[in-house]
């Protein structure tokens, strides 16, 4: 089975979009732009979901039997996917921390 380069490039692009949106969510949260942060997290999740669906299709075609040849660019794509997944998970936690920080800080100012 031959996987075309376009599929692998699309994996990299989706992973990059997911990671970029996750980083934008962190930047928005740092500036107390909560709705924007949430929107970026949702966009990150949508891109990650698209990436995951493509990856799942490839895994299904391989069936654990080595039917899909592994190339350096495919390994590179997998690296991008894993980084994007980690970045998104961390972004969710960082946004929550910023929200808590700003909430506690504003309570202290009001007291």
PDB file of N, CA and C in Angstrom:
ATOM      1  N   UNK A   1       0.839  -1.179   0.000  1.00  0.00           N
ATOM      2  CA  UNK A   1       0.000   0.000   0.000  1.00  0.00           C
ATOM      3  C   UNK A   1       0.880   1.237   0.000  1.00  0.00           C
ATOM      4  N   UNK A   2       0.574   2.144  -0.874  1.00  0.00           N
ATOM      5  CA  UNK A   2       1.336   3.381  -0.996  1.00  0.00           C
ATOM      6  C   UNK A   2       0.498   4.531  -0.449  1.00  0.00           C
ATOM      7  N   UNK A   3       1.051   5.256   0.497  1.00  0.00           N
ATOM      8  CA  UNK A   3       0.399   6.440   1.040  1.00  0.00           C
ATOM      9  C   UNK A   3       0.998   7.646   0.319  1.00  0.00           C
ATOM     10  N   UNK A   4       0.110   8.469  -0.258  1.00  0.00           N
ATOM     11  CA  UNK A   4       0.639   9.603  -1.009  1.00  0.00           C
ATOM     12  C   UNK A   4       1.160  10.691  -0.067  1.00  0.00           C
ATOM     13  N   UNK A   5       2.082  11.448  -0.589  1.00  0.00           N
ATOM     14  CA  UNK A   5       2.744  12.496   0.186  1.00  0.00           C
ATOM     15  C   UNK A   5       1.746  13.568   0.628  1.00  0.00           C
ATOM     16  N   UNK A   6       0.708  13.783  -0.174  1.00  0.00           N
ATOM     17  CA  UNK A   6      -0.306  14.792   0.168  1.00  0.00           C
ATOM     18  C   UNK A   6      -0.995  14.438   1.494  1.00  0.00           C
ATOM     19  N   UNK A   7      -1.291  13.179   1.717  1.00  0.00           N
ATOM     20  CA  UNK A   7      -1.910  12.752   2.968  1.00  0.00           C
ATOM     21  C   UNK A   7      -0.999  13.057   4.148  1.00  0.00           C
ATOM     22  N   UNK A   8       0.273  12.783   3.991  1.00  0.00           N
ATOM     23  CA  UNK A   8       1.223  13.017   5.079  1.00  0.00           C
ATOM     24  C   UNK A   8       1.382  14.516   5.330  1.00  0.00           C
ATOM     25  N   UNK A   9       1.442  15.296   4.271  1.00  0.00           N
ATOM     26  CA  UNK A   9       1.536  16.758   4.415  1.00  0.00           C
ATOM     27  C   UNK A   9       0.290  17.291   5.113  1.00  0.00           C
ATOM     28  N   UNK A  10      -0.877  16.746   4.771  1.00  0.00           N
ATOM     29  CA  UNK A  10      -2.112  17.172   5.446  1.00  0.00           C
ATOM     30  C   UNK A  10      -2.083  16.844   6.932  1.00  0.00           C
ATOM     31  N   UNK A  11      -1.487  15.729   7.288  1.00  0.00           N
ATOM     32  CA  UNK A  11      -1.319  15.399   8.712  1.00  0.00           C
ATOM     33  C   UNK A  11      -0.479  16.466   9.406  1.00  0.00           C
ATOM     34  N   UNK A  12       0.608  16.846   8.778  1.00  0.00           N
ATOM     35  CA  UNK A  12       1.504  17.858   9.349  1.00  0.00           C
ATOM     36  C   UNK A  12       0.779  19.201   9.459  1.00  0.00           C
ATOM     37  N   UNK A  13       0.021  19.562   8.430  1.00  0.00           N
ATOM     38  CA  UNK A  13      -0.706  20.832   8.447  1.00  0.00           C
ATOM     39  C   UNK A  13      -1.768  20.858   9.541  1.00  0.00           C
ATOM     40  N   UNK A  14      -2.521  19.783   9.680  1.00  0.00           N
ATOM     41  CA  UNK A  14      -3.551  19.730  10.726  1.00  0.00           C
ATOM     42  C   UNK A  14      -2.917  19.801  12.115  1.00  0.00           C
ATOM     43  N   UNK A  15      -1.830  19.095  12.290  1.00  0.00           N
ATOM     44  CA  UNK A  15      -1.138  19.120  13.579  1.00  0.00           C
ATOM     45  C   UNK A  15      -0.609  20.521  13.853  1.00  0.00           C
ATOM     46  N   UNK A  16      -0.058  21.174  12.841  1.00  0.00           N
ATOM     47  CA  UNK A  16       0.444  22.535  13.002  1.00  0.00           C
ATOM     48  C   UNK A  16      -0.663  23.507  13.349  1.00  0.00           C
ATOM     49  N   UNK A  17      -1.809  23.352  12.719  1.00  0.00           N
ATOM     50  CA  UNK A  17      -2.965  24.209  13.018  1.00  0.00           C
ATOM     51  C   UNK A  17      -3.427  24.011  14.458  1.00  0.00           C
ATOM     52  N   UNK A  18      -3.465  22.768  14.876  1.00  0.00           N
ATOM     53  CA  UNK A  18      -3.878  22.471  16.255  1.00  0.00           C
ATOM     54  C   UNK A  18      -2.920  23.109  17.259  1.00  0.00           C
ATOM     55  N   UNK A  19      -1.636  22.963  17.013  1.00  0.00           N
ATOM     56  CA  UNK A  19      -0.635  23.526  17.930  1.00  0.00           C
ATOM     57  C   UNK A  19      -0.685  25.051  17.919  1.00  0.00           C
ATOM     58  N   UNK A  20      -0.787  25.654  16.746  1.00  0.00           N
ATOM     59  CA  UNK A  20      -0.839  27.113  16.657  1.00  0.00           C
ATOM     60  C   UNK A  20      -2.048  27.679  17.396  1.00  0.00           C
ATOM     61  N   UNK A  21      -3.188  27.052  17.224  1.00  0.00           N
ATOM     62  CA  UNK A  21      -4.398  27.514  17.916  1.00  0.00           C
ATOM     63  C   UNK A  21      -4.264  27.342  19.424  1.00  0.00           C
ATOM     64  N   UNK A  22      -3.636  26.280  19.854  1.00  0.00           N
ATOM     65  CA  UNK A  22      -3.419  26.067  21.293  1.00  0.00           C
ATOM     66  C   UNK A  22      -2.531  27.170  21.867  1.00  0.00           C
ATOM     67  N   UNK A  23      -1.496  27.529  21.135  1.00  0.00           N
ATOM     68  CA  UNK A  23      -0.614  28.599  21.599  1.00  0.00           C
ATOM     69  C   UNK A  23      -1.336  29.951  21.609  1.00  0.00           C
ATOM     70  N   UNK A  24      -2.186  30.186  20.631  1.00  0.00           N
ATOM     71  CA  UNK A  24      -2.978  31.419  20.608  1.00  0.00           C
ATOM     72  C   UNK A  24      -3.950  31.460  21.791  1.00  0.00           C
ATOM     73  N   UNK A  25      -4.462  30.311  22.179  1.00  0.00           N
ATOM     74  CA  UNK A  25      -5.353  30.255  23.350  1.00  0.00           C
ATOM     75  C   UNK A  25      -4.607  30.692  24.605  1.00  0.00           C
ATOM     76  N   UNK A  26      -3.379  30.260  24.738  1.00  0.00           N
ATOM     77  CA  UNK A  26      -2.566  30.663  25.893  1.00  0.00           C
ATOM     78  C   UNK A  26      -2.331  32.168  25.867  1.00  0.00           C
ATOM     79  N   UNK A  27      -1.999  32.705  24.709  1.00  0.00           N
ATOM     80  CA  UNK A  27      -1.756  34.147  24.600  1.00  0.00           C
ATOM     81  C   UNK A  27      -3.015  34.947  24.935  1.00  0.00           C
ATOM     82  N   UNK A  28      -4.156  34.475  24.461  1.00  0.00           N
ATOM     83  CA  UNK A  28      -5.416  35.152  24.758  1.00  0.00           C
ATOM     84  C   UNK A  28      -5.711  35.111  26.258  1.00  0.00           C
ATOM     85  N   UNK A  29      -5.473  33.966  26.876  1.00  0.00           N
ATOM     86  CA  UNK A  29      -5.717  33.837  28.318  1.00  0.00           C
ATOM     87  C   UNK A  29      -4.790  34.754  29.110  1.00  0.00           C
ATOM     88  N   UNK A  30      -3.561  34.887  28.674  1.00  0.00           N
ATOM     89  CA  UNK A  30      -2.615  35.770  29.354  1.00  0.00           C
ATOM     90  C   UNK A  30      -3.135  37.199  29.368  1.00  0.00           C
ATOM     91  N   UNK A  31      -3.928  37.558  28.346  1.00  0.00           N
ATOM     92  CA  UNK A  31      -4.496  38.899  28.233  1.00  0.00           C
ATOM     93  C   UNK A  31      -5.948  38.954  28.709  1.00  0.00           C
ATOM     94  N   UNK A  32      -6.377  37.945  29.450  1.00  0.00           N
ATOM     95  CA  UNK A  32      -7.744  37.862  30.011  1.00  0.00           C
ATOM     96  C   UNK A  32      -8.826  37.868  28.944  1.00  0.00           C
ATOM     97  N   UNK A  33      -8.522  37.379  27.770  1.00  0.00           N
ATOM     98  CA  UNK A  33      -9.506  37.291  26.685  1.00  0.00           C
ATOM     99  C   UNK A  33     -10.081  35.878  26.686  1.00  0.00           C
ATOM    100  N   UNK A  34     -10.977  35.630  27.641  1.00  0.00           N
ATOM    101  CA  UNK A  34     -11.443  34.269  27.924  1.00  0.00           C
ATOM    102  C   UNK A  34     -12.207  33.648  26.765  1.00  0.00           C
ATOM    103  N   UNK A  35     -13.101  34.414  26.141  1.00  0.00           N
ATOM    104  CA  UNK A  35     -13.874  33.854  25.035  1.00  0.00           C
ATOM    105  C   UNK A  35     -12.964  33.523  23.859  1.00  0.00           C
ATOM    106  N   UNK A  36     -12.020  34.409  23.597  1.00  0.00           N
ATOM    107  CA  UNK A  36     -11.070  34.162  22.511  1.00  0.00           C
ATOM    108  C   UNK A  36     -10.225  32.919  22.825  1.00  0.00           C
ATOM    109  N   UNK A  37      -9.799  32.784  24.067  1.00  0.00           N
ATOM    110  CA  UNK A  37      -9.025  31.602  24.461  1.00  0.00           C
ATOM    111  C   UNK A  37      -9.844  30.333  24.237  1.00  0.00           C
ATOM    112  N   UNK A  38     -11.111  30.375  24.622  1.00  0.00           N
ATOM    113  CA  UNK A  38     -11.984  29.207  24.437  1.00  0.00           C
ATOM    114  C   UNK A  38     -12.173  28.907  22.954  1.00  0.00           C
ATOM    115  N   UNK A  39     -12.348  29.958  22.153  1.00  0.00           N
ATOM    116  CA  UNK A  39     -12.507  29.760  20.709  1.00  0.00           C
ATOM    117  C   UNK A  39     -11.271  29.100  20.105  1.00  0.00           C
ATOM    118  N   UNK A  40     -10.096  29.571  20.515  1.00  0.00           N
ATOM    119  CA  UNK A  40      -8.859  28.972  20.002  1.00  0.00           C
ATOM    120  C   UNK A  40      -8.719  27.517  20.440  1.00  0.00           C
ATOM    121  N   UNK A  41      -9.113  27.219  21.681  1.00  0.00           N
ATOM    122  CA  UNK A  41      -9.051  25.820  22.139  1.00  0.00           C
ATOM    123  C   UNK A  41      -9.993  24.942  21.321  1.00  0.00           C
ATOM    124  N   UNK A  42     -11.170  25.473  20.989  1.00  0.00           N
ATOM    125  CA  UNK A  42     -12.100  24.702  20.160  1.00  0.00           C
ATOM    126  C   UNK A  42     -11.545  24.488  18.758  1.00  0.00           C
ATOM    127  N   UNK A  43     -10.925  25.524  18.192  1.00  0.00           N
ATOM    128  CA  UNK A  43     -10.305  25.386  16.863  1.00  0.00           C
ATOM    129  C   UNK A  43      -9.163  24.375  16.913  1.00  0.00           C
ATOM    130  N   UNK A  44      -8.401  24.415  17.992  1.00  0.00           N
ATOM    131  CA  UNK A  44      -7.313  23.454  18.168  1.00  0.00           C
ATOM    132  C   UNK A  44      -7.862  22.035  18.226  1.00  0.00           C
ATOM    133  N   UNK A  45      -8.947  21.881  18.956  1.00  0.00           N
ATOM    134  CA  UNK A  45      -9.576  20.563  19.072  1.00  0.00           C
ATOM    135  C   UNK A  45     -10.114  20.057  17.747  1.00  0.00           C
ATOM    136  N   UNK A  46     -10.703  20.950  16.966  1.00  0.00           N
ATOM    137  CA  UNK A  46     -11.232  20.558  15.652  1.00  0.00           C
ATOM    138  C   UNK A  46     -10.114  20.106  14.723  1.00  0.00           C
ATOM    139  N   UNK A  47      -9.012  20.852  14.725  1.00  0.00           N
ATOM    140  CA  UNK A  47      -7.867  20.466  13.887  1.00  0.00           C
ATOM    141  C   UNK A  47      -7.274  19.150  14.370  1.00  0.00           C
ATOM    142  N   UNK A  48      -7.189  18.976  15.688  1.00  0.00           N
ATOM    143  CA  UNK A  48      -6.653  17.728  16.247  1.00  0.00           C
ATOM    144  C   UNK A  48      -7.553  16.553  15.884  1.00  0.00           C
ATOM    145  N   UNK A  49      -8.858  16.775  15.909  1.00  0.00           N
ATOM    146  CA  UNK A  49      -9.805  15.716  15.554  1.00  0.00           C
ATOM    147  C   UNK A  49      -9.657  15.303  14.093  1.00  0.00           C
ATOM    148  N   UNK A  50      -9.498  16.288  13.223  1.00  0.00           N
ATOM    149  CA  UNK A  50      -9.293  15.999  11.803  1.00  0.00           C
ATOM    150  C   UNK A  50      -8.003  15.200  11.609  1.00  0.00           C
ATOM    151  N   UNK A  51      -6.972  15.615  12.305  1.00  0.00           N
ATOM    152  CA  UNK A  51      -5.684  14.928  12.234  1.00  0.00           C
ATOM    153  C   UNK A  51      -5.815  13.492  12.759  1.00  0.00           C
ATOM    154  N   UNK A  52      -6.498  13.358  13.868  1.00  0.00           N
ATOM    155  CA  UNK A  52      -6.689  12.033  14.471  1.00  0.00           C
ATOM    156  C   UNK A  52      -7.460  11.106  13.530  1.00  0.00           C
ATOM    157  N   UNK A  53      -8.470  11.646  12.850  1.00  0.00           N
ATOM    158  CA  UNK A  53      -9.247  10.828  11.913  1.00  0.00           C
ATOM    159  C   UNK A  53      -8.387  10.332  10.752  1.00  0.00           C
ATOM    160  N   UNK A  54      -7.529  11.215  10.223  1.00  0.00           N
ATOM    161  CA  UNK A  54      -6.625  10.790   9.144  1.00  0.00           C
ATOM    162  C   UNK A  54      -5.659   9.726   9.646  1.00  0.00           C
ATOM    163  N   UNK A  55      -5.119   9.954  10.846  1.00  0.00           N
ATOM    164  CA  UNK A  55      -4.163   9.011  11.426  1.00  0.00           C
ATOM    165  C   UNK A  55      -4.831   7.658  11.680  1.00  0.00           C
ATOM    166  N   UNK A  56      -6.046   7.684  12.185  1.00  0.00           N
ATOM    167  CA  UNK A  56      -6.789   6.449  12.453  1.00  0.00           C
ATOM    168  C   UNK A  56      -7.041   5.680  11.166  1.00  0.00           C
ATOM    169  N   UNK A  57      -7.350   6.407  10.092  1.00  0.00           N
ATOM    170  CA  UNK A  57      -7.554   5.759   8.790  1.00  0.00           C
ATOM    171  C   UNK A  57      -6.279   5.049   8.341  1.00  0.00           C
ATOM    172  N   UNK A  58      -5.139   5.714   8.509  1.00  0.00           N
ATOM    173  CA  UNK A  58      -3.868   5.092   8.125  1.00  0.00           C
ATOM    174  C   UNK A  58      -3.579   3.850   8.964  1.00  0.00           C
ATOM    175  N   UNK A  59      -3.848   3.955  10.251  1.00  0.00           N
ATOM    176  CA  UNK A  59      -3.623   2.805  11.136  1.00  0.00           C
ATOM    177  C   UNK A  59      -4.536   1.655  10.732  1.00  0.00           C
ATOM    178  N   UNK A  60      -5.786   1.973  10.392  1.00  0.00           N
ATOM    179  CA  UNK A  60      -6.722   0.935   9.953  1.00  0.00           C
ATOM    180  C   UNK A  60      -6.273   0.260   8.673  1.00  0.00           C
ATOM    181  N   UNK A  61      -5.725   1.048   7.751  1.00  0.00           N
ATOM    182  CA  UNK A  61      -5.237   0.480   6.495  1.00  0.00           C
ATOM    183  C   UNK A  61      -4.022  -0.407   6.730  1.00  0.00           C
ATOM    184  N   UNK A  62      -3.235  -0.071   7.724  1.00  0.00           N
ATOM    185  CA  UNK A  62      -2.037  -0.854   8.028  1.00  0.00           C
ATOM    186  C   UNK A  62      -2.392  -2.160   8.744  1.00  0.00           C
ATOM    187  N   UNK A  63      -3.395  -2.106   9.619  1.00  0.00           N
ATOM    188  CA  UNK A  63      -3.858  -3.260  10.397  1.00  0.00           C
ATOM    189  C   UNK A  63      -2.738  -3.930  11.187  1.00  0.00           C
ATOM    190  N   UNK A  64      -1.729  -3.160  11.555  1.00  0.00           N
ATOM    191  CA  UNK A  64      -0.634  -3.720  12.349  1.00  0.00           C
ATOM    192  C   UNK A  64       0.222  -4.725  11.607  1.00  0.00           C
ATOM    193  N   UNK A  65       0.058  -4.757  10.291  1.00  0.00           N
ATOM    194  CA  UNK A  65       0.762  -5.758   9.494  1.00  0.00           C
ATOM    195  C   UNK A  65       1.893  -5.167   8.658  1.00  0.00           C
ATOM    196  N   UNK A  66       2.200  -3.909   8.857  1.00  0.00           N
ATOM    197  CA  UNK A  66       3.272  -3.291   8.087  1.00  0.00           C
ATOM    198  C   UNK A  66       2.910  -3.029   6.649  1.00  0.00           C
ATOM    199  N   UNK A  67       1.608  -2.861   6.373  1.00  0.00           N
ATOM    200  CA  UNK A  67       1.175  -2.614   4.995  1.00  0.00           C
ATOM    201  C   UNK A  67       1.476  -1.190   4.542  1.00  0.00           C
ATOM    202  N   UNK A  68       1.550  -0.274   5.505  1.00  0.00           N
ATOM    203  CA  UNK A  68       1.854   1.115   5.188  1.00  0.00           C
ATOM    204  C   UNK A  68       3.348   1.317   5.402  1.00  0.00           C
ATOM    205  N   UNK A  69       4.081   1.631   4.346  1.00  0.00           N
ATOM    206  CA  UNK A  69       5.525   1.825   4.514  1.00  0.00           C
ATOM    207  C   UNK A  69       5.809   3.067   5.366  1.00  0.00           C
ATOM    208  N   UNK A  70       6.741   2.933   6.260  1.00  0.00           N
ATOM    209  CA  UNK A  70       7.113   4.041   7.138  1.00  0.00           C
ATOM    210  C   UNK A  70       8.286   4.776   6.506  1.00  0.00           C
ATOM    211  N   UNK A  71       8.065   6.049   6.259  1.00  0.00           N
ATOM    212  CA  UNK A  71       9.121   6.882   5.677  1.00  0.00           C
ATOM    213  C   UNK A  71       9.522   7.934   6.704  1.00  0.00           C
ATOM    214  N   UNK A  72      10.597   8.625   6.415  1.00  0.00           N
ATOM    215  CA  UNK A  72      11.057   9.674   7.314  1.00  0.00           C
ATOM    216  C   UNK A  72      10.003  10.765   7.448  1.00  0.00           C
ATOM    217  N   UNK A  73       9.326  11.104   6.359  1.00  0.00           N
ATOM    218  CA  UNK A  73       8.309  12.156   6.438  1.00  0.00           C
ATOM    219  C   UNK A  73       7.099  11.693   7.255  1.00  0.00           C
ATOM    220  N   UNK A  74       6.799  10.402   7.233  1.00  0.00           N
ATOM    221  CA  UNK A  74       5.702   9.894   8.057  1.00  0.00           C
ATOM    222  C   UNK A  74       6.086   9.965   9.538  1.00  0.00           C
ATOM    223  N   UNK A  75       7.322   9.653   9.849  1.00  0.00           N
ATOM    224  CA  UNK A  75       7.804   9.780  11.226  1.00  0.00           C
ATOM    225  C   UNK A  75       7.751  11.248  11.646  1.00  0.00           C
ATOM    226  N   UNK A  76       8.125  12.130  10.735  1.00  0.00           N
ATOM    227  CA  UNK A  76       8.070  13.567  10.991  1.00  0.00           C
ATOM    228  C   UNK A  76       6.630  14.002  11.274  1.00  0.00           C
ATOM    229  N   UNK A  77       5.689  13.497  10.505  1.00  0.00           N
ATOM    230  CA  UNK A  77       4.274  13.812  10.717  1.00  0.00           C
ATOM    231  C   UNK A  77       3.814  13.332  12.089  1.00  0.00           C
ATOM    232  N   UNK A  78       4.209  12.132  12.461  1.00  0.00           N
ATOM    233  CA  UNK A  78       3.835  11.599  13.767  1.00  0.00           C
ATOM    234  C   UNK A  78       4.401  12.472  14.889  1.00  0.00           C
ATOM    235  N   UNK A  79       5.613  12.953  14.702  1.00  0.00           N
ATOM    236  CA  UNK A  79       6.224  13.842  15.685  1.00  0.00           C
ATOM    237  C   UNK A  79       5.386  15.113  15.845  1.00  0.00           C
ATOM    238  N   UNK A  80       4.946  15.677  14.734  1.00  0.00           N
ATOM    239  CA  UNK A  80       4.096  16.878  14.785  1.00  0.00           C
ATOM    240  C   UNK A  80       2.778  16.579  15.497  1.00  0.00           C
ATOM    241  N   UNK A  81       2.203  15.436  15.211  1.00  0.00           N
ATOM    242  CA  UNK A  81       0.926  15.065  15.839  1.00  0.00           C
ATOM    243  C   UNK A  81       1.083  14.956  17.347  1.00  0.00           C
ATOM    244  N   UNK A  82       2.112  14.273  17.783  1.00  0.00           N
ATOM    245  CA  UNK A  82       2.324  14.104  19.227  1.00  0.00           C
ATOM    246  C   UNK A  82       2.592  15.445  19.911  1.00  0.00           C
ATOM    247  N   UNK A  83       3.386  16.305  19.276  1.00  0.00           N
ATOM    248  CA  UNK A  83       3.646  17.633  19.846  1.00  0.00           C
ATOM    249  C   UNK A  83       2.365  18.453  19.922  1.00  0.00           C
ATOM    250  N   UNK A  84       1.546  18.392  18.895  1.00  0.00           N
ATOM    251  CA  UNK A  84       0.290  19.141  18.888  1.00  0.00           C
ATOM    252  C   UNK A  84      -0.649  18.638  19.983  1.00  0.00           C
ATOM    253  N   UNK A  85      -0.716  17.331  20.155  1.00  0.00           N
ATOM    254  CA  UNK A  85      -1.580  16.766  21.199  1.00  0.00           C
ATOM    255  C   UNK A  85      -1.132  17.227  22.583  1.00  0.00           C
ATOM    256  N   UNK A  86       0.158  17.171  22.819  1.00  0.00           N
ATOM    257  CA  UNK A  86       0.692  17.606  24.107  1.00  0.00           C
ATOM    258  C   UNK A  86       0.471  19.102  24.311  1.00  0.00           C
ATOM    259  N   UNK A  87       0.723  19.881  23.278  1.00  0.00           N
ATOM    260  CA  UNK A  87       0.558  21.331  23.369  1.00  0.00           C
ATOM    261  C   UNK A  87      -0.900  21.679  23.677  1.00  0.00           C
ATOM    262  N   UNK A  88      -1.825  20.999  23.052  1.00  0.00           N
ATOM    263  CA  UNK A  88      -3.249  21.274  23.280  1.00  0.00           C
ATOM    264  C   UNK A  88      -3.642  20.933  24.714  1.00  0.00           C
ATOM    265  N   UNK A  89      -3.210  19.794  25.196  1.00  0.00           N
ATOM    266  CA  UNK A  89      -3.520  19.412  26.576  1.00  0.00           C
ATOM    267  C   UNK A  89      -2.935  20.409  27.570  1.00  0.00           C
ATOM    268  N   UNK A  90      -1.706  20.824  27.328  1.00  0.00           N
ATOM    269  CA  UNK A  90      -1.066  21.799  28.210  1.00  0.00           C
ATOM    270  C   UNK A  90      -1.766  23.157  28.113  1.00  0.00           C
ATOM    271  N   UNK A  91      -2.187  23.542  26.921  1.00  0.00           N
ATOM    272  CA  UNK A  91      -2.879  24.817  26.744  1.00  0.00           C
ATOM    273  C   UNK A  91      -4.173  24.848  27.545  1.00  0.00           C
ATOM    274  N   UNK A  92      -4.904  23.755  27.555  1.00  0.00           N
ATOM    275  CA  UNK A  92      -6.132  23.699  28.352  1.00  0.00           C
ATOM    276  C   UNK A  92      -5.831  23.946  29.827  1.00  0.00           C
ATOM    277  N   UNK A  93      -4.778  23.325  30.316  1.00  0.00           N
ATOM    278  CA  UNK A  93      -4.398  23.502  31.723  1.00  0.00           C
ATOM    279  C   UNK A  93      -3.901  24.924  32.000  1.00  0.00           C
ATOM    280  N   UNK A  94      -3.119  25.470  31.095  1.00  0.00           N
ATOM    281  CA  UNK A  94      -2.577  26.821  31.290  1.00  0.00           C
ATOM    282  C   UNK A  94      -3.697  27.860  31.254  1.00  0.00           C
ATOM    283  N   UNK A  95      -4.653  27.703  30.340  1.00  0.00           N
ATOM    284  CA  UNK A  95      -5.787  28.625  30.284  1.00  0.00           C
ATOM    285  C   UNK A  95      -6.561  28.555  31.600  1.00  0.00           C
ATOM    286  N   UNK A  96      -6.794  27.349  32.100  1.00  0.00           N
ATOM    287  CA  UNK A  96      -7.497  27.198  33.383  1.00  0.00           C
ATOM    288  C   UNK A  96      -6.715  27.852  34.523  1.00  0.00           C
ATOM    289  N   UNK A  97      -5.410  27.707  34.510  1.00  0.00           N
ATOM    290  CA  UNK A  97      -4.586  28.348  35.544  1.00  0.00           C
ATOM    291  C   UNK A  97      -4.661  29.865  35.460  1.00  0.00           C
ATOM    292  N   UNK A  98      -4.595  30.409  34.248  1.00  0.00           N
ATOM    293  CA  UNK A  98      -4.730  31.861  34.088  1.00  0.00           C
ATOM    294  C   UNK A  98      -6.087  32.337  34.609  1.00  0.00           C
ATOM    295  N   UNK A  99      -7.137  31.593  34.292  1.00  0.00           N
ATOM    296  CA  UNK A  99      -8.465  31.975  34.768  1.00  0.00           C
ATOM    297  C   UNK A  99      -8.510  31.989  36.295  1.00  0.00           C
ATOM    298  N   UNK A 100      -7.955  30.972  36.898  1.00  0.00           N
ATOM    299  CA  UNK A 100      -7.940  30.900  38.355  1.00  0.00           C
ATOM    300  C   UNK A 100      -7.090  32.029  38.942  1.00  0.00           C
ATOM    301  N   UNK A 101      -5.943  32.270  38.354  1.00  0.00           N
ATOM    302  CA  UNK A 101      -5.061  33.332  38.820  1.00  0.00           C
ATOM    303  C   UNK A 101      -5.762  34.689  38.774  1.00  0.00           C
ATOM    304  N   UNK A 102      -6.372  35.002  37.617  1.00  0.00           N
ATOM    305  CA  UNK A 102      -7.041  36.297  37.476  1.00  0.00           C
ATOM    306  C   UNK A 102      -8.253  36.398  38.404  1.00  0.00           C
ATOM    307  N   UNK A 103      -8.937  35.300  38.605  1.00  0.00           N
ATOM    308  CA  UNK A 103     -10.079  35.295  39.510  1.00  0.00           C
ATOM    309  C   UNK A 103      -9.640  35.568  40.946  1.00  0.00           C
ATOM    310  N   UNK A 104      -8.606  34.864  41.389  1.00  0.00           N
ATOM    311  CA  UNK A 104      -8.096  35.074  42.750  1.00  0.00           C
ATOM    312  C   UNK A 104      -7.502  36.466  42.910  1.00  0.00           C
ATOM    313  N   UNK A 105      -6.820  36.938  41.905  1.00  0.00           N
ATOM    314  CA  UNK A 105      -6.201  38.255  41.956  1.00  0.00           C
ATOM    315  C   UNK A 105      -7.264  39.365  42.022  1.00  0.00           C
ATOM    316  N   UNK A 106      -8.345  39.216  41.276  1.00  0.00           N
ATOM    317  CA  UNK A 106      -9.398  40.223  41.305  1.00  0.00           C
ATOM    318  C   UNK A 106     -10.161  40.176  42.615  1.00  0.00           C
ATOM    319  N   UNK A 107     -10.301  38.992  43.220  1.00  0.00           N
ATOM    320  CA  UNK A 107     -10.946  38.897  44.537  1.00  0.00           C
ATOM    321  C   UNK A 107     -10.128  39.613  45.591  1.00  0.00           C
ATOM    322  N   UNK A 108      -8.829  39.482  45.494  1.00  0.00           N
ATOM    323  CA  UNK A 108      -7.938  40.142  46.449  1.00  0.00           C
ATOM    324  C   UNK A 108      -8.011  41.664  46.302  1.00  0.00           C
ATOM    325  N   UNK A 109      -8.126  42.135  45.084  1.00  0.00           N
ATOM    326  CA  UNK A 109      -8.215  43.579  44.843  1.00  0.00           C
ATOM    327  C   UNK A 109      -9.538  44.140  45.358  1.00  0.00           C
ATOM    328  N   UNK A 110     -10.608  43.321  45.270  1.00  0.00           N
ATOM    329  CA  UNK A 110     -11.925  43.764  45.721  1.00  0.00           C
ATOM    330  C   UNK A 110     -12.029  43.785  47.248  1.00  0.00           C
ATOM    331  N   UNK A 111     -11.193  43.020  47.913  1.00  0.00           N
ATOM    332  CA  UNK A 111     -11.289  42.919  49.381  1.00  0.00           C
ATOM    333  C   UNK A 111     -10.687  44.091  50.105  1.00  0.00           C
TER     334      UNK A 111
END
